[in-house]
Amino acid sequence: MEPSRRNFYRGLFLIAAIYDLSIGVVFTFFSGWAFELLGIRDKMPQGAYIPLLGAFLFVIGVAYWLIYLGDLHRNHDLIVVGTLYKFAYASIAFVFWARGQAPHIIFPALFGVADLVFLVLMLECLVYLRANPLAAVGG
């Protein structure tokens, strides 16, 4: 794999890691503050629901970090799981937005759009890896 393409994919997964780790920390430990800042504290589910989602985001951020640090071919399975996550979030965000049920515009317009962009770029990475099975990709 040419260095520029390897660096592009590594950068993609580094940005995805930072993005999801950051959101994960906010929603795990500071969800009340985040919902208050958005002016939707009254729409925040009670209990562990939001912190659990935040913890999941943190874990998926760790997976993107591992992809960034490692070999793309060896981390193919993690890339598939991460790509599916981006598809799941973007789909749900846009469906609930279309139904008028998004708790705040930030969920589809920022997070949904960002995940859609990540989805497209991660799919492109998977297509490239499939077309180039012998490309050396190490760190």
N, C-alpha and C. Protein backbone atom coordinates (compact mmCIF):
# COMPACT_ATOMS: atom_id res chain seq x y z
N MET A 1 0.86 -1.17 0.00
CA MET A 1 0.00 0.00 0.00
C MET A 1 0.90 1.23 0.00
N GLU A 2 0.59 2.15 -0.89
CA GLU A 2 1.41 3.35 -0.96
C GLU A 2 1.28 4.16 0.33
N PRO A 3 2.35 4.82 0.74
CA PRO A 3 2.35 5.55 2.01
C PRO A 3 1.22 6.59 2.13
N SER A 4 0.90 7.27 1.05
CA SER A 4 -0.14 8.31 1.14
C SER A 4 -1.50 7.68 1.47
N ARG A 5 -1.81 6.55 0.88
CA ARG A 5 -3.10 5.89 1.16
C ARG A 5 -3.09 5.33 2.58
N ARG A 6 -1.99 4.71 2.98
CA ARG A 6 -1.88 4.20 4.35
C ARG A 6 -2.05 5.33 5.35
N ASN A 7 -1.39 6.47 5.10
CA ASN A 7 -1.51 7.61 6.00
C ASN A 7 -2.93 8.16 6.03
N PHE A 8 -3.60 8.16 4.88
CA PHE A 8 -4.99 8.62 4.83
C PHE A 8 -5.88 7.74 5.72
N TYR A 9 -5.78 6.43 5.56
CA TYR A 9 -6.60 5.52 6.36
C TYR A 9 -6.24 5.59 7.84
N ARG A 10 -4.97 5.66 8.12
CA ARG A 10 -4.56 5.80 9.53
C ARG A 10 -5.13 7.08 10.11
N GLY A 11 -5.08 8.18 9.35
CA GLY A 11 -5.65 9.45 9.80
C GLY A 11 -7.16 9.35 10.01
N LEU A 12 -7.83 8.66 9.08
CA LEU A 12 -9.27 8.45 9.20
C LEU A 12 -9.61 7.77 10.52
N PHE A 13 -8.90 6.69 10.84
CA PHE A 13 -9.22 5.95 12.06
C PHE A 13 -8.74 6.68 13.31
N LEU A 14 -7.71 7.50 13.20
CA LEU A 14 -7.31 8.35 14.33
C LEU A 14 -8.40 9.38 14.63
N ILE A 15 -8.91 10.03 13.60
CA ILE A 15 -9.98 11.02 13.79
C ILE A 15 -11.23 10.35 14.34
N ALA A 16 -11.58 9.16 13.80
CA ALA A 16 -12.74 8.43 14.31
C ALA A 16 -12.54 8.06 15.77
N ALA A 17 -11.34 7.66 16.14
CA ALA A 17 -11.05 7.31 17.54
C ALA A 17 -11.23 8.51 18.45
N ILE A 18 -10.63 9.63 18.09
CA ILE A 18 -10.74 10.83 18.91
C ILE A 18 -12.19 11.27 19.03
N TYR A 19 -12.91 11.25 17.92
CA TYR A 19 -14.32 11.64 17.87
C TYR A 19 -15.16 10.78 18.81
N ASP A 20 -15.08 9.45 18.66
CA ASP A 20 -15.93 8.57 19.47
C ASP A 20 -15.45 8.48 20.92
N LEU A 21 -14.15 8.52 21.16
CA LEU A 21 -13.67 8.54 22.54
C LEU A 21 -14.16 9.79 23.26
N SER A 22 -14.10 10.93 22.59
CA SER A 22 -14.55 12.18 23.20
C SER A 22 -16.04 12.17 23.50
N ILE A 23 -16.83 11.78 22.52
CA ILE A 23 -18.28 11.72 22.73
C ILE A 23 -18.60 10.68 23.81
N GLY A 24 -17.87 9.58 23.79
CA GLY A 24 -18.08 8.54 24.80
C GLY A 24 -17.83 9.05 26.21
N VAL A 25 -16.76 9.78 26.41
CA VAL A 25 -16.47 10.33 27.73
C VAL A 25 -17.56 11.32 28.15
N VAL A 26 -17.96 12.19 27.23
CA VAL A 26 -19.00 13.18 27.55
C VAL A 26 -20.30 12.49 27.97
N PHE A 27 -20.77 11.53 27.17
CA PHE A 27 -22.05 10.91 27.47
C PHE A 27 -21.98 9.87 28.59
N THR A 28 -20.79 9.36 28.90
CA THR A 28 -20.66 8.45 30.03
C THR A 28 -20.63 9.21 31.35
N PHE A 29 -19.84 10.27 31.41
CA PHE A 29 -19.60 10.96 32.68
C PHE A 29 -20.30 12.31 32.81
N PHE A 30 -20.66 12.93 31.69
CA PHE A 30 -21.20 14.29 31.74
C PHE A 30 -22.49 14.42 30.94
N SER A 31 -23.28 13.36 30.87
CA SER A 31 -24.49 13.38 30.05
C SER A 31 -25.48 14.44 30.52
N GLY A 32 -25.64 14.59 31.82
CA GLY A 32 -26.56 15.61 32.33
C GLY A 32 -26.15 16.99 31.87
N TRP A 33 -24.86 17.29 31.98
CA TRP A 33 -24.34 18.57 31.54
C TRP A 33 -24.55 18.76 30.04
N ALA A 34 -24.29 17.71 29.24
CA ALA A 34 -24.44 17.80 27.78
C ALA A 34 -25.89 18.08 27.40
N PHE A 35 -26.82 17.36 28.02
CA PHE A 35 -28.24 17.58 27.71
C PHE A 35 -28.69 18.96 28.19
N GLU A 36 -28.15 19.41 29.31
CA GLU A 36 -28.46 20.75 29.82
C GLU A 36 -27.94 21.80 28.84
N LEU A 37 -26.72 21.64 28.35
CA LEU A 37 -26.12 22.56 27.39
C LEU A 37 -26.95 22.66 26.11
N LEU A 38 -27.51 21.54 25.69
CA LEU A 38 -28.35 21.50 24.49
C LEU A 38 -29.77 22.00 24.76
N GLY A 39 -30.09 22.22 26.03
CA GLY A 39 -31.42 22.69 26.38
C GLY A 39 -32.49 21.61 26.29
N ILE A 40 -32.08 20.37 26.45
CA ILE A 40 -33.03 19.25 26.34
C ILE A 40 -32.93 18.32 27.54
N ARG A 41 -32.58 18.87 28.68
CA ARG A 41 -32.45 18.04 29.89
C ARG A 41 -33.74 17.28 30.17
N ASP A 42 -34.89 17.89 29.84
CA ASP A 42 -36.17 17.24 30.09
C ASP A 42 -36.41 16.03 29.17
N LYS A 43 -35.64 15.93 28.07
CA LYS A 43 -35.78 14.79 27.15
C LYS A 43 -34.78 13.67 27.44
N MET A 44 -33.93 13.89 28.44
CA MET A 44 -32.90 12.91 28.75
C MET A 44 -33.51 11.71 29.47
N PRO A 45 -33.29 10.50 28.94
CA PRO A 45 -33.79 9.31 29.63
C PRO A 45 -33.13 9.17 31.01
N GLN A 46 -33.87 8.67 31.95
CA GLN A 46 -33.35 8.47 33.30
C GLN A 46 -32.57 7.16 33.38
N GLY A 47 -31.76 7.04 34.41
CA GLY A 47 -31.04 5.80 34.65
C GLY A 47 -29.74 5.71 33.87
N ALA A 48 -29.37 4.50 33.57
CA ALA A 48 -28.06 4.21 32.97
C ALA A 48 -28.06 4.24 31.45
N TYR A 49 -29.20 4.54 30.83
CA TYR A 49 -29.31 4.44 29.38
C TYR A 49 -28.26 5.28 28.64
N ILE A 50 -28.16 6.56 28.93
CA ILE A 50 -27.21 7.42 28.22
C ILE A 50 -25.77 7.08 28.60
N PRO A 51 -25.44 6.91 29.88
CA PRO A 51 -24.06 6.50 30.20
C PRO A 51 -23.66 5.17 29.55
N LEU A 52 -24.59 4.24 29.41
CA LEU A 52 -24.29 2.98 28.75
C LEU A 52 -23.96 3.21 27.27
N LEU A 53 -24.74 4.06 26.62
CA LEU A 53 -24.43 4.41 25.22
C LEU A 53 -23.08 5.11 25.12
N GLY A 54 -22.80 5.99 26.09
CA GLY A 54 -21.50 6.65 26.11
C GLY A 54 -20.36 5.66 26.26
N ALA A 55 -20.54 4.68 27.13
CA ALA A 55 -19.51 3.65 27.32
C ALA A 55 -19.30 2.86 26.03
N PHE A 56 -20.39 2.57 25.32
CA PHE A 56 -20.27 1.86 24.05
C PHE A 56 -19.48 2.71 23.05
N LEU A 57 -19.78 4.01 23.00
CA LEU A 57 -19.04 4.90 22.10
C LEU A 57 -17.55 4.89 22.46
N PHE A 58 -17.25 4.90 23.75
CA PHE A 58 -15.86 4.86 24.18
C PHE A 58 -15.18 3.58 23.70
N VAL A 59 -15.86 2.45 23.84
CA VAL A 59 -15.29 1.17 23.42
C VAL A 59 -15.06 1.15 21.91
N ILE A 60 -16.01 1.65 21.13
CA ILE A 60 -15.83 1.67 19.68
C ILE A 60 -14.69 2.63 19.31
N GLY A 61 -14.52 3.70 20.11
CA GLY A 61 -13.38 4.60 19.92
C GLY A 61 -12.06 3.88 20.15
N VAL A 62 -12.02 3.01 21.14
CA VAL A 62 -10.82 2.20 21.39
C VAL A 62 -10.54 1.29 20.19
N ALA A 63 -11.60 0.72 19.62
CA ALA A 63 -11.42 -0.13 18.43
C ALA A 63 -10.81 0.68 17.28
N TYR A 64 -11.32 1.89 17.07
CA TYR A 64 -10.74 2.72 16.00
C TYR A 64 -9.28 3.06 16.31
N TRP A 65 -8.95 3.27 17.58
CA TRP A 65 -7.57 3.53 17.99
C TRP A 65 -6.68 2.33 17.66
N LEU A 66 -7.18 1.13 17.92
CA LEU A 66 -6.42 -0.08 17.61
C LEU A 66 -6.21 -0.24 16.10
N ILE A 67 -7.24 0.12 15.32
CA ILE A 67 -7.09 0.09 13.86
C ILE A 67 -6.01 1.08 13.45
N TYR A 68 -6.06 2.28 13.99
CA TYR A 68 -5.06 3.32 13.69
C TYR A 68 -3.65 2.83 13.99
N LEU A 69 -3.47 2.16 15.12
CA LEU A 69 -2.14 1.71 15.53
C LEU A 69 -1.63 0.52 14.74
N GLY A 70 -2.53 -0.30 14.21
CA GLY A 70 -2.14 -1.59 13.66
C GLY A 70 -2.15 -1.68 12.16
N ASP A 71 -2.21 -2.89 11.70
CA ASP A 71 -2.22 -3.24 10.30
C ASP A 71 -3.67 -3.32 9.83
N LEU A 72 -4.01 -2.63 8.78
CA LEU A 72 -5.39 -2.58 8.33
C LEU A 72 -5.92 -3.96 7.95
N HIS A 73 -5.11 -4.77 7.29
CA HIS A 73 -5.58 -6.11 6.91
C HIS A 73 -5.86 -6.97 8.13
N ARG A 74 -4.98 -6.93 9.11
CA ARG A 74 -5.21 -7.73 10.32
C ARG A 74 -6.39 -7.21 11.13
N ASN A 75 -6.69 -5.94 10.99
CA ASN A 75 -7.81 -5.34 11.72
C ASN A 75 -9.07 -5.25 10.87
N HIS A 76 -9.12 -6.00 9.81
CA HIS A 76 -10.28 -5.97 8.90
C HIS A 76 -11.59 -6.17 9.65
N ASP A 77 -11.62 -7.13 10.58
CA ASP A 77 -12.85 -7.40 11.33
C ASP A 77 -13.29 -6.20 12.16
N LEU A 78 -12.33 -5.53 12.79
CA LEU A 78 -12.65 -4.32 13.54
C LEU A 78 -13.19 -3.22 12.62
N ILE A 79 -12.62 -3.13 11.44
CA ILE A 79 -13.10 -2.12 10.48
C ILE A 79 -14.54 -2.43 10.07
N VAL A 80 -14.85 -3.70 9.86
CA VAL A 80 -16.23 -4.08 9.51
C VAL A 80 -17.18 -3.69 10.64
N VAL A 81 -16.82 -4.02 11.88
CA VAL A 81 -17.68 -3.69 13.02
C VAL A 81 -17.83 -2.18 13.16
N GLY A 82 -16.75 -1.44 13.03
CA GLY A 82 -16.81 0.02 13.12
C GLY A 82 -17.65 0.63 12.02
N THR A 83 -17.55 0.07 10.82
CA THR A 83 -18.34 0.55 9.69
C THR A 83 -19.83 0.27 9.93
N LEU A 84 -20.14 -0.89 10.44
CA LEU A 84 -21.53 -1.22 10.78
C LEU A 84 -22.07 -0.28 11.85
N TYR A 85 -21.25 0.07 12.82
CA TYR A 85 -21.67 1.03 13.85
C TYR A 85 -22.03 2.36 13.21
N LYS A 86 -21.18 2.85 12.31
CA LYS A 86 -21.45 4.14 11.65
C LYS A 86 -22.74 4.06 10.85
N PHE A 87 -22.98 2.94 10.18
CA PHE A 87 -24.22 2.75 9.44
C PHE A 87 -25.42 2.77 10.39
N ALA A 88 -25.30 2.05 11.50
CA ALA A 88 -26.40 1.97 12.46
C ALA A 88 -26.74 3.34 13.02
N TYR A 89 -25.74 4.07 13.47
CA TYR A 89 -26.04 5.38 14.07
C TYR A 89 -26.63 6.33 13.05
N ALA A 90 -26.01 6.45 11.88
CA ALA A 90 -26.51 7.38 10.87
C ALA A 90 -27.94 7.02 10.47
N SER A 91 -28.21 5.75 10.28
CA SER A 91 -29.55 5.31 9.90
C SER A 91 -30.59 5.69 10.94
N ILE A 92 -30.30 5.36 12.19
CA ILE A 92 -31.24 5.66 13.28
C ILE A 92 -31.42 7.17 13.42
N ALA A 93 -30.33 7.92 13.36
CA ALA A 93 -30.42 9.37 13.52
C ALA A 93 -31.31 9.98 12.44
N PHE A 94 -31.13 9.56 11.19
CA PHE A 94 -31.91 10.14 10.10
C PHE A 94 -33.37 9.67 10.11
N VAL A 95 -33.60 8.42 10.48
CA VAL A 95 -34.98 7.92 10.56
C VAL A 95 -35.76 8.69 11.63
N PHE A 96 -35.16 8.84 12.80
CA PHE A 96 -35.86 9.55 13.88
C PHE A 96 -35.99 11.04 13.58
N TRP A 97 -35.04 11.60 12.86
CA TRP A 97 -35.15 13.00 12.44
C TRP A 97 -36.32 13.15 11.47
N ALA A 98 -36.42 12.24 10.51
CA ALA A 98 -37.51 12.29 9.53
C ALA A 98 -38.87 12.14 10.20
N ARG A 99 -38.93 11.40 11.28
CA ARG A 99 -40.18 11.22 12.02
C ARG A 99 -40.47 12.37 12.98
N GLY A 100 -39.52 13.31 13.09
CA GLY A 100 -39.67 14.41 14.03
C GLY A 100 -39.44 14.00 15.47
N GLN A 101 -38.68 12.92 15.67
CA GLN A 101 -38.47 12.39 17.01
C GLN A 101 -37.03 12.50 17.51
N ALA A 102 -36.18 13.24 16.81
CA ALA A 102 -34.82 13.45 17.29
C ALA A 102 -34.90 14.41 18.49
N PRO A 103 -34.22 14.10 19.58
CA PRO A 103 -34.33 14.96 20.76
C PRO A 103 -33.73 16.36 20.53
N HIS A 104 -32.80 16.46 19.58
CA HIS A 104 -32.15 17.74 19.26
C HIS A 104 -31.56 17.61 17.85
N ILE A 105 -31.52 18.70 17.13
CA ILE A 105 -31.00 18.71 15.76
C ILE A 105 -29.53 18.26 15.69
N ILE A 106 -28.79 18.42 16.77
CA ILE A 106 -27.37 18.05 16.76
C ILE A 106 -27.17 16.55 16.50
N PHE A 107 -28.14 15.71 16.95
CA PHE A 107 -27.96 14.27 16.80
C PHE A 107 -27.95 13.84 15.32
N PRO A 108 -28.89 14.29 14.49
CA PRO A 108 -28.78 13.94 13.07
C PRO A 108 -27.86 14.88 12.29
N ALA A 109 -27.94 16.18 12.54
CA ALA A 109 -27.25 17.16 11.70
C ALA A 109 -25.73 17.18 11.92
N LEU A 110 -25.29 16.90 13.12
CA LEU A 110 -23.84 16.85 13.37
C LEU A 110 -23.36 15.40 13.47
N PHE A 111 -23.89 14.66 14.45
CA PHE A 111 -23.42 13.30 14.67
C PHE A 111 -23.82 12.37 13.52
N GLY A 112 -25.04 12.50 13.02
CA GLY A 112 -25.49 11.65 11.91
C GLY A 112 -24.71 11.91 10.63
N VAL A 113 -24.51 13.20 10.32
CA VAL A 113 -23.75 13.55 9.11
C VAL A 113 -22.29 13.10 9.26
N ALA A 114 -21.70 13.35 10.43
CA ALA A 114 -20.31 12.91 10.64
C ALA A 114 -20.19 11.40 10.47
N ASP A 115 -21.14 10.65 11.05
CA ASP A 115 -21.07 9.20 10.92
C ASP A 115 -21.32 8.74 9.49
N LEU A 116 -22.13 9.47 8.75
CA LEU A 116 -22.34 9.15 7.34
C LEU A 116 -21.04 9.34 6.55
N VAL A 117 -20.31 10.41 6.82
CA VAL A 117 -19.02 10.64 6.16
C VAL A 117 -18.04 9.54 6.54
N PHE A 118 -17.96 9.22 7.84
CA PHE A 118 -17.09 8.12 8.27
C PHE A 118 -17.49 6.82 7.59
N LEU A 119 -18.79 6.56 7.49
CA LEU A 119 -19.30 5.34 6.85
C LEU A 119 -18.79 5.22 5.42
N VAL A 120 -18.93 6.28 4.65
CA VAL A 120 -18.50 6.26 3.25
C VAL A 120 -17.00 6.00 3.15
N LEU A 121 -16.22 6.69 3.98
CA LEU A 121 -14.76 6.54 3.92
C LEU A 121 -14.32 5.16 4.41
N MET A 122 -15.00 4.63 5.42
CA MET A 122 -14.65 3.29 5.90
C MET A 122 -15.05 2.21 4.90
N LEU A 123 -16.17 2.41 4.22
CA LEU A 123 -16.55 1.48 3.15
C LEU A 123 -15.51 1.49 2.04
N GLU A 124 -15.04 2.68 1.71
CA GLU A 124 -14.00 2.79 0.67
C GLU A 124 -12.75 2.05 1.11
N CYS A 125 -12.39 2.15 2.38
CA CYS A 125 -11.24 1.41 2.91
C CYS A 125 -11.45 -0.09 2.77
N LEU A 126 -12.63 -0.57 3.12
CA LEU A 126 -12.92 -2.00 3.00
C LEU A 126 -12.86 -2.47 1.55
N VAL A 127 -13.38 -1.67 0.63
CA VAL A 127 -13.32 -2.02 -0.79
C VAL A 127 -11.87 -2.08 -1.25
N TYR A 128 -11.07 -1.11 -0.82
CA TYR A 128 -9.65 -1.10 -1.19
C TYR A 128 -8.94 -2.34 -0.64
N LEU A 129 -9.18 -2.67 0.62
CA LEU A 129 -8.52 -3.83 1.22
C LEU A 129 -8.91 -5.12 0.51
N ARG A 130 -10.17 -5.22 0.11
CA ARG A 130 -10.62 -6.42 -0.60
C ARG A 130 -9.96 -6.52 -1.98
N ALA A 131 -9.80 -5.38 -2.65
CA ALA A 131 -9.20 -5.36 -3.99
C ALA A 131 -7.68 -5.53 -3.93
N ASN A 132 -7.10 -5.27 -2.77
CA ASN A 132 -5.64 -5.34 -2.63
C ASN A 132 -5.26 -6.20 -1.43
N PRO A 133 -5.52 -7.50 -1.50
CA PRO A 133 -5.31 -8.36 -0.32
C PRO A 133 -3.86 -8.52 0.10
N LEU A 134 -2.94 -8.25 -0.77
CA LEU A 134 -1.53 -8.45 -0.42
C LEU A 134 -0.81 -7.15 -0.11
N ALA A 135 -1.54 -6.04 -0.07
CA ALA A 135 -0.90 -4.74 0.18
C ALA A 135 -0.33 -4.73 1.60
N ALA A 136 0.92 -4.35 1.71
CA ALA A 136 1.55 -4.22 3.02
C ALA A 136 1.06 -2.92 3.66
N VAL A 137 0.53 -3.03 4.86
CA VAL A 137 -0.15 -1.89 5.46
C VAL A 137 0.40 -1.52 6.83
N GLY A 138 1.36 -2.18 7.34
CA GLY A 138 1.79 -1.97 8.72
C GLY A 138 1.97 -0.54 9.13
N GLY A 139 2.13 -0.32 10.43
CA GLY A 139 2.24 1.01 11.05
C GLY A 139 3.46 1.67 10.65
